[in-house]
PDB file of all heavy atoms in Angstrom:
ATOM      1  N   ALA A   1     119.133 103.541 105.083  1.00  0.00           N
ATOM      2  CA  ALA A   1     120.086 104.471 104.466  1.00  0.00           C
ATOM      3  C   ALA A   1     119.465 104.997 103.179  1.00  0.00           C
ATOM      4  O   ALA A   1     119.805 104.560 102.087  1.00  0.00           O
ATOM      5  CB  ALA A   1     121.411 103.783 104.179  1.00  0.00           C
ATOM      6  N   PRO A   2     118.512 105.915 103.284  1.00  0.00           N
ATOM      7  CA  PRO A   2     117.718 106.320 102.110  1.00  0.00           C
ATOM      8  C   PRO A   2     118.505 107.125 101.095  1.00  0.00           C
ATOM      9  O   PRO A   2     119.494 107.775 101.417  1.00  0.00           O
ATOM     10  CB  PRO A   2     116.607 107.163 102.734  1.00  0.00           C
ATOM     11  CG  PRO A   2     117.229 107.736 103.965  1.00  0.00           C
ATOM     12  CD  PRO A   2     118.145 106.664 104.483  1.00  0.00           C
ATOM     13  N   LYS A   3     118.031 107.072  99.877  1.00  0.00           N
ATOM     14  CA  LYS A   3     118.534 107.914  98.797  1.00  0.00           C
ATOM     15  C   LYS A   3     117.816 109.284  98.887  1.00  0.00           C
ATOM     16  O   LYS A   3     117.029 109.506  99.798  1.00  0.00           O
ATOM     17  CB  LYS A   3     118.238 107.240  97.458  1.00  0.00           C
ATOM     18  CG  LYS A   3     118.738 105.798  97.362  1.00  0.00           C
ATOM     19  CD  LYS A   3     120.060 105.730  96.697  1.00  0.00           C
ATOM     20  CE  LYS A   3     120.551 104.321  96.411  1.00  0.00           C
ATOM     21  NZ  LYS A   3     120.089 103.231  97.235  1.00  0.00           N
ATOM     22  N   PRO A   4     118.073 110.185  97.947  1.00  0.00           N
ATOM     23  CA  PRO A   4     117.423 111.508  98.002  1.00  0.00           C
ATOM     24  C   PRO A   4     115.904 111.417  98.107  1.00  0.00           C
ATOM     25  O   PRO A   4     115.284 110.498  97.579  1.00  0.00           O
ATOM     26  CB  PRO A   4     117.858 112.150  96.672  1.00  0.00           C
ATOM     27  CG  PRO A   4     119.161 111.502  96.366  1.00  0.00           C
ATOM     28  CD  PRO A   4     119.039 110.090  96.841  1.00  0.00           C
ATOM     29  N   ASP A   5     115.323 112.371  98.780  1.00  0.00           N
ATOM     30  CA  ASP A   5     113.886 112.392  99.062  1.00  0.00           C
ATOM     31  C   ASP A   5     113.139 112.904  97.825  1.00  0.00           C
ATOM     32  O   ASP A   5     112.961 114.114  97.652  1.00  0.00           O
ATOM     33  CB  ASP A   5     113.631 113.291 100.270  1.00  0.00           C
ATOM     34  CG  ASP A   5     112.201 113.198 100.773  1.00  0.00           C
ATOM     35  OD1 ASP A   5     111.436 112.366 100.223  1.00  0.00           O
ATOM     36  OD2 ASP A   5     111.851 113.944 101.699  1.00  0.00           O
ATOM     37  N   ILE A   6     112.698 111.981  96.979  1.00  0.00           N
ATOM     38  CA  ILE A   6     112.050 112.394  95.727  1.00  0.00           C
ATOM     39  C   ILE A   6     110.610 111.905  95.620  1.00  0.00           C
ATOM     40  O   ILE A   6     109.920 112.206  94.645  1.00  0.00           O
ATOM     41  CB  ILE A   6     112.842 111.872  94.503  1.00  0.00           C
ATOM     42  CG1 ILE A   6     112.877 110.342  94.497  1.00  0.00           C
ATOM     43  CG2 ILE A   6     114.238 112.461  94.470  1.00  0.00           C
ATOM     44  CD1 ILE A   6     113.509 109.766  93.243  1.00  0.00           C
ATOM     45  N   PHE A   7     110.146 111.139  96.613  1.00  0.00           N
ATOM     46  CA  PHE A   7     108.807 110.559  96.537  1.00  0.00           C
ATOM     47  C   PHE A   7     107.820 111.335  97.399  1.00  0.00           C
ATOM     48  O   PHE A   7     108.196 111.937  98.415  1.00  0.00           O
ATOM     49  CB  PHE A   7     108.831 109.091  96.985  1.00  0.00           C
ATOM     50  CG  PHE A   7     109.604 108.190  96.084  1.00  0.00           C
ATOM     51  CD1 PHE A   7     110.818 107.652  96.482  1.00  0.00           C
ATOM     52  CD2 PHE A   7     109.131 107.872  94.808  1.00  0.00           C
ATOM     53  CE1 PHE A   7     111.544 106.820  95.650  1.00  0.00           C
ATOM     54  CE2 PHE A   7     109.848 107.049  93.969  1.00  0.00           C
ATOM     55  CZ  PHE A   7     111.058 106.518  94.384  1.00  0.00           C
ATOM     56  N   GLN A   8     106.544 111.272  97.008  1.00  0.00           N
ATOM     57  CA  GLN A   8     105.496 111.858  97.827  1.00  0.00           C
ATOM     58  C   GLN A   8     105.367 111.079  99.133  1.00  0.00           C
ATOM     59  O   GLN A   8     105.778 109.920  99.227  1.00  0.00           O
ATOM     60  CB  GLN A   8     104.159 111.837  97.074  1.00  0.00           C
ATOM     61  CG  GLN A   8     104.149 112.699  95.816  1.00  0.00           C
ATOM     62  CD  GLN A   8     102.833 112.612  95.076  1.00  0.00           C
ATOM     63  OE1 GLN A   8     102.004 111.747  95.359  1.00  0.00           O
ATOM     64  NE2 GLN A   8     102.632 113.504  94.115  1.00  0.00           N
ATOM     65  N   GLU A   9     104.800 111.721 100.149  1.00  0.00           N
ATOM     66  CA  GLU A   9     104.708 111.134 101.474  1.00  0.00           C
ATOM     67  C   GLU A   9     103.992 109.789 101.454  1.00  0.00           C
ATOM     68  O   GLU A   9     104.393 108.844 102.154  1.00  0.00           O
ATOM     69  CB  GLU A   9     103.984 112.095 102.422  1.00  0.00           C
ATOM     70  CG  GLU A   9     103.957 111.649 103.873  1.00  0.00           C
ATOM     71  CD  GLU A   9     105.353 111.551 104.474  1.00  0.00           C
ATOM     72  OE1 GLU A   9     106.255 112.303 104.042  1.00  0.00           O
ATOM     73  OE2 GLU A   9     105.539 110.712 105.382  1.00  0.00           O
ATOM     74  N   GLU A  10     102.942 109.672 100.647  1.00  0.00           N
ATOM     75  CA  GLU A  10     102.188 108.414 100.575  1.00  0.00           C
ATOM     76  C   GLU A  10     103.070 107.262 100.097  1.00  0.00           C
ATOM     77  O   GLU A  10     103.044 106.159 100.654  1.00  0.00           O
ATOM     78  CB  GLU A  10     100.992 108.576  99.624  1.00  0.00           C
ATOM     79  CG  GLU A  10     100.150 107.326  99.486  1.00  0.00           C
ATOM     80  CD  GLU A  10      99.012 107.509  98.495  1.00  0.00           C
ATOM     81  OE1 GLU A  10      98.880 108.622  97.923  1.00  0.00           O
ATOM     82  OE2 GLU A  10      98.251 106.554  98.290  1.00  0.00           O
ATOM     83  N   VAL A  11     103.891 107.514  99.073  1.00  0.00           N
ATOM     84  CA  VAL A  11     104.790 106.487  98.546  1.00  0.00           C
ATOM     85  C   VAL A  11     105.870 106.158  99.566  1.00  0.00           C
ATOM     86  O   VAL A  11     106.237 104.994  99.753  1.00  0.00           O
ATOM     87  CB  VAL A  11     105.420 106.942  97.213  1.00  0.00           C
ATOM     88  CG1 VAL A  11     106.417 105.910  96.706  1.00  0.00           C
ATOM     89  CG2 VAL A  11     104.341 107.193  96.171  1.00  0.00           C
ATOM     90  N   LYS A  12     106.395 107.175 100.252  1.00  0.00           N
ATOM     91  CA  LYS A  12     107.422 106.949 101.267  1.00  0.00           C
ATOM     92  C   LYS A  12     106.930 106.007 102.361  1.00  0.00           C
ATOM     93  O   LYS A  12     107.646 105.103 102.798  1.00  0.00           O
ATOM     94  CB  LYS A  12     107.847 108.283 101.884  1.00  0.00           C
ATOM     95  CG  LYS A  12     108.729 109.120 100.986  1.00  0.00           C
ATOM     96  CD  LYS A  12     108.858 110.553 101.480  1.00  0.00           C
ATOM     97  CE  LYS A  12     109.362 110.631 102.902  1.00  0.00           C
ATOM     98  NZ  LYS A  12     109.498 112.045 103.347  1.00  0.00           N
ATOM     99  N   GLN A  13     105.701 106.199 102.790  1.00  0.00           N
ATOM    100  CA  GLN A  13     105.144 105.346 103.839  1.00  0.00           C
ATOM    101  C   GLN A  13     104.957 103.913 103.350  1.00  0.00           C
ATOM    102  O   GLN A  13     105.176 102.952 104.100  1.00  0.00           O
ATOM    103  CB  GLN A  13     103.817 105.925 104.339  1.00  0.00           C
ATOM    104  CG  GLN A  13     103.951 107.247 105.079  1.00  0.00           C
ATOM    105  CD  GLN A  13     104.931 107.153 106.241  1.00  0.00           C
ATOM    106  OE1 GLN A  13     104.913 106.209 107.029  1.00  0.00           O
ATOM    107  NE2 GLN A  13     105.804 108.153 106.347  1.00  0.00           N
ATOM    108  N   ILE A  14     104.566 103.755 102.085  1.00  0.00           N
ATOM    109  CA  ILE A  14     104.419 102.408 101.519  1.00  0.00           C
ATOM    110  C   ILE A  14     105.772 101.717 101.472  1.00  0.00           C
ATOM    111  O   ILE A  14     105.909 100.537 101.822  1.00  0.00           O
ATOM    112  CB  ILE A  14     103.798 102.483 100.110  1.00  0.00           C
ATOM    113  CG1 ILE A  14     102.352 102.976 100.184  1.00  0.00           C
ATOM    114  CG2 ILE A  14     103.860 101.116  99.420  1.00  0.00           C
ATOM    115  CD1 ILE A  14     101.715 103.210  98.841  1.00  0.00           C
ATOM    116  N   LEU A  15     106.824 102.445 101.052  1.00  0.00           N
ATOM    117  CA  LEU A  15     108.163 101.868 100.987  1.00  0.00           C
ATOM    118  C   LEU A  15     108.653 101.453 102.370  1.00  0.00           C
ATOM    119  O   LEU A  15     109.238 100.378 102.544  1.00  0.00           O
ATOM    120  CB  LEU A  15     109.141 102.864 100.367  1.00  0.00           C
ATOM    121  CG  LEU A  15     108.971 103.152  98.868  1.00  0.00           C
ATOM    122  CD1 LEU A  15     109.948 104.229  98.409  1.00  0.00           C
ATOM    123  CD2 LEU A  15     109.154 101.891  98.050  1.00  0.00           C
ATOM    124  N   LEU A  16     108.409 102.276 103.375  1.00  0.00           N
ATOM    125  CA  LEU A  16     108.832 101.947 104.736  1.00  0.00           C
ATOM    126  C   LEU A  16     108.110 100.712 105.252  1.00  0.00           C
ATOM    127  O   LEU A  16     108.708  99.853 105.906  1.00  0.00           O
ATOM    128  CB  LEU A  16     108.582 103.140 105.666  1.00  0.00           C
ATOM    129  CG  LEU A  16     109.531 104.331 105.498  1.00  0.00           C
ATOM    130  CD1 LEU A  16     109.030 105.534 106.286  1.00  0.00           C
ATOM    131  CD2 LEU A  16     110.936 103.958 105.943  1.00  0.00           C
ATOM    132  N   GLN A  17     106.817 100.609 104.960  1.00  0.00           N
ATOM    133  CA  GLN A  17     106.053  99.457 105.421  1.00  0.00           C
ATOM    134  C   GLN A  17     106.500  98.174 104.716  1.00  0.00           C
ATOM    135  O   GLN A  17     106.686  97.131 105.349  1.00  0.00           O
ATOM    136  CB  GLN A  17     104.549  99.690 105.178  1.00  0.00           C
ATOM    137  CG  GLN A  17     103.649  98.521 105.580  1.00  0.00           C
ATOM    138  CD  GLN A  17     103.760  98.171 107.049  1.00  0.00           C
ATOM    139  OE1 GLN A  17     103.882  99.063 107.892  1.00  0.00           O
ATOM    140  NE2 GLN A  17     103.735  96.882 107.374  1.00  0.00           N
ATOM    141  N   THR A  18     106.675  98.250 103.415  1.00  0.00           N
ATOM    142  CA  THR A  18     107.099  97.053 102.678  1.00  0.00           C
ATOM    143  C   THR A  18     108.526  96.660 103.051  1.00  0.00           C
ATOM    144  O   THR A  18     108.862  95.475 103.060  1.00  0.00           O
ATOM    145  CB  THR A  18     107.008  97.275 101.158  1.00  0.00           C
ATOM    146  OG1 THR A  18     107.712  98.481 100.793  1.00  0.00           O
ATOM    147  CG2 THR A  18     105.559  97.414 100.718  1.00  0.00           C
ATOM    148  N   LEU A  19     109.374  97.641 103.387  1.00  0.00           N
ATOM    149  CA  LEU A  19     110.726  97.319 103.847  1.00  0.00           C
ATOM    150  C   LEU A  19     110.669  96.513 105.138  1.00  0.00           C
ATOM    151  O   LEU A  19     111.388  95.527 105.298  1.00  0.00           O
ATOM    152  CB  LEU A  19     111.536  98.592 104.059  1.00  0.00           C
ATOM    153  CG  LEU A  19     112.921  98.384 104.686  1.00  0.00           C
ATOM    154  CD1 LEU A  19     113.789  97.496 103.811  1.00  0.00           C
ATOM    155  CD2 LEU A  19     113.600  99.722 104.943  1.00  0.00           C
ATOM    156  N   GLN A  20     109.795  96.913 106.057  1.00  0.00           N
ATOM    157  CA  GLN A  20     109.685  96.180 107.315  1.00  0.00           C
ATOM    158  C   GLN A  20     109.213  94.750 107.074  1.00  0.00           C
ATOM    159  O   GLN A  20     109.699  93.807 107.695  1.00  0.00           O
ATOM    160  CB  GLN A  20     108.735  96.895 108.272  1.00  0.00           C
ATOM    161  CG  GLN A  20     108.643  96.213 109.636  1.00  0.00           C
ATOM    162  CD  GLN A  20     108.078  97.124 110.698  1.00  0.00           C
ATOM    163  OE1 GLN A  20     108.243  98.334 110.633  1.00  0.00           O
ATOM    164  NE2 GLN A  20     107.418  96.541 111.679  1.00  0.00           N
ATOM    165  N   GLU A  21     108.265  94.579 106.144  1.00  0.00           N
ATOM    166  CA  GLU A  21     107.787  93.233 105.804  1.00  0.00           C
ATOM    167  C   GLU A  21     108.921  92.405 105.212  1.00  0.00           C
ATOM    168  O   GLU A  21     109.080  91.222 105.530  1.00  0.00           O
ATOM    169  CB  GLU A  21     106.622  93.331 104.820  1.00  0.00           C
ATOM    170  CG  GLU A  21     105.371  93.971 105.398  1.00  0.00           C
ATOM    171  CD  GLU A  21     104.317  94.227 104.339  1.00  0.00           C
ATOM    172  OE1 GLU A  21     104.548  93.853 103.160  1.00  0.00           O
ATOM    173  OE2 GLU A  21     103.283  94.814 104.665  1.00  0.00           O
ATOM    174  N   GLU A  22     109.729  93.039 104.348  1.00  0.00           N
ATOM    175  CA  GLU A  22     110.819  92.305 103.706  1.00  0.00           C
ATOM    176  C   GLU A  22     111.905  91.943 104.717  1.00  0.00           C
ATOM    177  O   GLU A  22     112.469  90.848 104.675  1.00  0.00           O
ATOM    178  CB  GLU A  22     111.411  93.143 102.566  1.00  0.00           C
ATOM    179  CG  GLU A  22     112.315  92.336 101.657  1.00  0.00           C
ATOM    180  CD  GLU A  22     112.722  93.097 100.423  1.00  0.00           C
ATOM    181  OE1 GLU A  22     112.517  94.326 100.372  1.00  0.00           O
ATOM    182  OE2 GLU A  22     113.268  92.466  99.507  1.00  0.00           O
ATOM    183  N   VAL A  23     112.206  92.853 105.634  1.00  0.00           N
ATOM    184  CA  VAL A  23     113.179  92.562 106.689  1.00  0.00           C
ATOM    185  C   VAL A  23     112.698  91.403 107.546  1.00  0.00           C
ATOM    186  O   VAL A  23     113.471  90.498 107.893  1.00  0.00           O
ATOM    187  CB  VAL A  23     113.429  93.811 107.563  1.00  0.00           C
ATOM    188  CG1 VAL A  23     114.214  93.441 108.823  1.00  0.00           C
ATOM    189  CG2 VAL A  23     114.192  94.866 106.768  1.00  0.00           C
ATOM    190  N   SER A  24     111.419  91.399 107.873  1.00  0.00           N
ATOM    191  CA  SER A  24     110.854  90.320 108.696  1.00  0.00           C
ATOM    192  C   SER A  24     111.003  88.971 108.001  1.00  0.00           C
ATOM    193  O   SER A  24     111.430  87.985 108.615  1.00  0.00           O
ATOM    194  CB  SER A  24     109.381  90.607 108.992  1.00  0.00           C
ATOM    195  OG  SER A  24     108.813  89.571 109.756  1.00  0.00           O
ATOM    196  N   GLU A  25     110.676  88.906 106.708  1.00  0.00           N
ATOM    197  CA  GLU A  25     110.805  87.659 105.954  1.00  0.00           C
ATOM    198  C   GLU A  25     112.270  87.247 105.843  1.00  0.00           C
ATOM    199  O   GLU A  25     112.602  86.059 105.908  1.00  0.00           O
ATOM    200  CB  GLU A  25     110.191  87.824 104.563  1.00  0.00           C
ATOM    201  CG  GLU A  25     108.675  87.970 104.579  1.00  0.00           C
ATOM    202  CD  GLU A  25     108.104  88.142 103.189  1.00  0.00           C
ATOM    203  OE1 GLU A  25     108.873  87.960 102.215  1.00  0.00           O
ATOM    204  OE2 GLU A  25     106.906  88.464 103.063  1.00  0.00           O
ATOM    205  N   PHE A  26     113.136  88.225 105.679  1.00  0.00           N
ATOM    206  CA  PHE A  26     114.565  87.941 105.539  1.00  0.00           C
ATOM    207  C   PHE A  26     115.130  87.336 106.825  1.00  0.00           C
ATOM    208  O   PHE A  26     115.868  86.360 106.786  1.00  0.00           O
ATOM    209  CB  PHE A  26     115.297  89.234 105.177  1.00  0.00           C
ATOM    210  CG  PHE A  26     116.732  89.030 104.799  1.00  0.00           C
ATOM    211  CD1 PHE A  26     117.074  88.459 103.592  1.00  0.00           C
ATOM    212  CD2 PHE A  26     117.755  89.423 105.650  1.00  0.00           C
ATOM    213  CE1 PHE A  26     118.396  88.278 103.222  1.00  0.00           C
ATOM    214  CE2 PHE A  26     119.088  89.241 105.309  1.00  0.00           C
ATOM    215  CZ  PHE A  26     119.400  88.670 104.084  1.00  0.00           C
ATOM    216  N   VAL A  27     114.776  87.922 107.954  1.00  0.00           N
ATOM    217  CA  VAL A  27     115.254  87.413 109.238  1.00  0.00           C
ATOM    218  C   VAL A  27     114.771  85.984 109.459  1.00  0.00           C
ATOM    219  O   VAL A  27     115.503  85.122 109.945  1.00  0.00           O
ATOM    220  CB  VAL A  27     114.797  88.332 110.391  1.00  0.00           C
ATOM    221  CG1 VAL A  27     115.119  87.698 111.746  1.00  0.00           C
ATOM    222  CG2 VAL A  27     115.466  89.697 110.282  1.00  0.00           C
ATOM    223  N   LYS A  28     113.525  85.717 109.072  1.00  0.00           N
ATOM    224  CA  LYS A  28     112.956  84.378 109.251  1.00  0.00           C
ATOM    225  C   LYS A  28     113.670  83.328 108.411  1.00  0.00           C
ATOM    226  O   LYS A  28     113.596  82.137 108.708  1.00  0.00           O
ATOM    227  CB  LYS A  28     111.461  84.375 108.891  1.00  0.00           C
ATOM    228  CG  LYS A  28     110.566  84.936 109.965  1.00  0.00           C
ATOM    229  CD  LYS A  28     109.112  84.542 109.764  1.00  0.00           C
ATOM    230  CE  LYS A  28     108.579  84.972 108.422  1.00  0.00           C
ATOM    231  NZ  LYS A  28     107.132  84.656 108.274  1.00  0.00           N
ATOM    232  N   SER A  29     114.363  83.744 107.351  1.00  0.00           N
ATOM    233  CA  SER A  29     115.030  82.778 106.475  1.00  0.00           C
ATOM    234  C   SER A  29     116.294  82.201 107.103  1.00  0.00           C
ATOM    235  O   SER A  29     116.893  81.283 106.554  1.00  0.00           O
ATOM    236  CB  SER A  29     115.361  83.429 105.129  1.00  0.00           C
ATOM    237  OG  SER A  29     116.382  84.401 105.264  1.00  0.00           O
ATOM    238  N   PHE A  30     116.724  82.726 108.255  1.00  0.00           N
ATOM    239  CA  PHE A  30     117.899  82.228 108.966  1.00  0.00           C
ATOM    240  C   PHE A  30     117.480  81.567 110.272  1.00  0.00           C
ATOM    241  O   PHE A  30     116.501  81.968 110.892  1.00  0.00           O
ATOM    242  CB  PHE A  30     118.871  83.371 109.296  1.00  0.00           C
ATOM    243  CG  PHE A  30     119.480  84.036 108.097  1.00  0.00           C
ATOM    244  CD1 PHE A  30     118.899  85.156 107.538  1.00  0.00           C
ATOM    245  CD2 PHE A  30     120.629  83.538 107.518  1.00  0.00           C
ATOM    246  CE1 PHE A  30     119.452  85.780 106.436  1.00  0.00           C
ATOM    247  CE2 PHE A  30     121.195  84.145 106.408  1.00  0.00           C
ATOM    248  CZ  PHE A  30     120.603  85.260 105.866  1.00  0.00           C
ATOM    249  N   GLU A  31     118.231  80.565 110.668  1.00  0.00           N
ATOM    250  CA  GLU A  31     118.033  79.988 111.994  1.00  0.00           C
ATOM    251  C   GLU A  31     118.477  81.008 113.046  1.00  0.00           C
ATOM    252  O   GLU A  31     119.505  81.651 112.882  1.00  0.00           O
ATOM    253  CB  GLU A  31     118.855  78.704 112.149  1.00  0.00           C
ATOM    254  CG  GLU A  31     118.377  77.542 111.279  1.00  0.00           C
ATOM    255  CD  GLU A  31     117.014  77.023 111.711  1.00  0.00           C
ATOM    256  OE1 GLU A  31     116.708  77.117 112.921  1.00  0.00           O
ATOM    257  OE2 GLU A  31     116.261  76.566 110.839  1.00  0.00           O
ATOM    258  N   PRO A  32     117.718  81.167 114.145  1.00  0.00           N
ATOM    259  CA  PRO A  32     118.111  82.133 115.175  1.00  0.00           C
ATOM    260  C   PRO A  32     119.503  81.811 115.729  1.00  0.00           C
ATOM    261  O   PRO A  32     119.781  80.667 116.083  1.00  0.00           O
ATOM    262  CB  PRO A  32     117.036  81.947 116.263  1.00  0.00           C
ATOM    263  CG  PRO A  32     115.874  81.341 115.558  1.00  0.00           C
ATOM    264  CD  PRO A  32     116.451  80.490 114.462  1.00  0.00           C
ATOM    265  N   PRO A  33     120.404  82.792 115.789  1.00  0.00           N
ATOM    266  CA  PRO A  33     121.761  82.534 116.288  1.00  0.00           C
ATOM    267  C   PRO A  33     121.772  82.300 117.803  1.00  0.00           C
ATOM    268  O   PRO A  33     121.136  83.038 118.556  1.00  0.00           O
ATOM    269  CB  PRO A  33     122.520  83.811 115.924  1.00  0.00           C
ATOM    270  CG  PRO A  33     121.459  84.875 115.861  1.00  0.00           C
ATOM    271  CD  PRO A  33     120.215  84.191 115.369  1.00  0.00           C
ATOM    272  N   ASN A  34     122.488  81.275 118.226  1.00  0.00           N
ATOM    273  CA  ASN A  34     122.570  80.956 119.652  1.00  0.00           C
ATOM    274  C   ASN A  34     123.639  81.769 120.377  1.00  0.00           C
ATOM    275  O   ASN A  34     123.586  81.931 121.593  1.00  0.00           O
ATOM    276  CB  ASN A  34     122.861  79.464 119.846  1.00  0.00           C
ATOM    277  CG  ASN A  34     121.723  78.599 119.347  1.00  0.00           C
ATOM    278  OD1 ASN A  34     120.552  78.927 119.543  1.00  0.00           O
ATOM    279  ND2 ASN A  34     122.053  77.498 118.685  1.00  0.00           N
ATOM    280  N   ASP A  35     124.630  82.246 119.642  1.00  0.00           N
ATOM    281  CA  ASP A  35     125.706  83.012 120.260  1.00  0.00           C
ATOM    282  C   ASP A  35     126.290  83.977 119.232  1.00  0.00           C
ATOM    283  O   ASP A  35     125.860  84.021 118.082  1.00  0.00           O
ATOM    284  CB  ASP A  35     126.797  82.082 120.817  1.00  0.00           C
ATOM    285  CG  ASP A  35     127.271  81.062 119.781  1.00  0.00           C
ATOM    286  OD1 ASP A  35     127.414  81.438 118.590  1.00  0.00           O
ATOM    287  OD2 ASP A  35     127.481  79.894 120.143  1.00  0.00           O
ATOM    288  N   LYS A  36     127.301  84.734 119.654  1.00  0.00           N
ATOM    289  CA  LYS A  36     127.879  85.755 118.767  1.00  0.00           C
ATOM    290  C   LYS A  36     128.604  85.140 117.576  1.00  0.00           C
ATOM    291  O   LYS A  36     128.648  85.717 116.490  1.00  0.00           O
ATOM    292  CB  LYS A  36     128.833  86.650 119.563  1.00  0.00           C
ATOM    293  CG  LYS A  36     128.139  87.789 120.288  1.00  0.00           C
ATOM    294  CD  LYS A  36     129.103  88.931 120.541  1.00  0.00           C
ATOM    295  CE  LYS A  36     128.332  90.205 120.867  1.00  0.00           C
ATOM    296  NZ  LYS A  36     129.228  91.370 120.980  1.00  0.00           N
ATOM    297  N   LYS A  37     129.190  83.954 117.767  1.00  0.00           N
ATOM    298  CA  LYS A  37     129.892  83.305 116.666  1.00  0.00           C
ATOM    299  C   LYS A  37     128.910  82.961 115.549  1.00  0.00           C
ATOM    300  O   LYS A  37     129.177  83.225 114.369  1.00  0.00           O
ATOM    301  CB  LYS A  37     130.602  82.048 117.157  1.00  0.00           C
ATOM    302  CG  LYS A  37     131.372  81.323 116.072  1.00  0.00           C
ATOM    303  CD  LYS A  37     132.072  80.085 116.610  1.00  0.00           C
ATOM    304  CE  LYS A  37     132.814  79.358 115.497  1.00  0.00           C
ATOM    305  NZ  LYS A  37     133.469  78.122 115.983  1.00  0.00           N
TER     306      LYS A  37
END
Protein backbone atom coordinates (compact mmCIF):
# COMPACT_ATOMS: atom_id res chain seq x y z
CA ALA A 1 0.00 0.00 0.00
CA PRO A 2 2.53 2.61 -1.18
CA LYS A 3 2.60 6.29 -0.37
CA PRO A 4 3.01 8.91 -3.14
CA ASP A 5 5.59 8.09 -5.80
CA ILE A 6 8.45 10.43 -4.86
CA PHE A 7 11.52 8.20 -5.21
CA GLN A 8 13.72 7.48 -8.20
CA GLU A 9 13.29 4.08 -9.83
CA GLU A 10 16.55 2.76 -8.35
CA VAL A 11 15.41 3.57 -4.79
CA LYS A 12 11.94 2.11 -5.44
CA GLN A 13 13.46 -1.21 -6.47
CA ILE A 14 15.67 -1.28 -3.36
CA LEU A 15 12.62 -0.63 -1.15
CA LEU A 16 10.65 -3.42 -2.84
CA GLN A 17 13.51 -5.88 -2.44
CA THR A 18 14.15 -5.03 1.21
CA LEU A 19 10.40 -5.24 1.90
CA GLN A 20 10.36 -8.80 0.57
CA GLU A 21 13.33 -9.68 2.79
CA GLU A 22 11.59 -8.15 5.81
CA VAL A 23 8.33 -9.98 5.06
CA SER A 24 10.24 -13.25 4.79
CA GLU A 25 11.93 -12.72 8.18
CA PHE A 26 8.63 -11.66 9.72
CA VAL A 27 6.80 -14.77 8.52
CA LYS A 28 9.61 -16.96 9.87
CA SER A 29 9.13 -15.45 13.34
CA PHE A 30 5.79 -17.30 13.67
CA GLU A 31 5.12 -21.01 13.88
CA PRO A 32 3.38 -22.19 10.67
CA PRO A 33 -0.41 -22.27 11.30
CA ASN A 34 -1.96 -25.73 11.12
CA ASP A 35 -5.51 -24.50 10.54
CA LYS A 36 -7.60 -21.35 10.11
CA LYS A 37 -8.05 -20.89 13.86
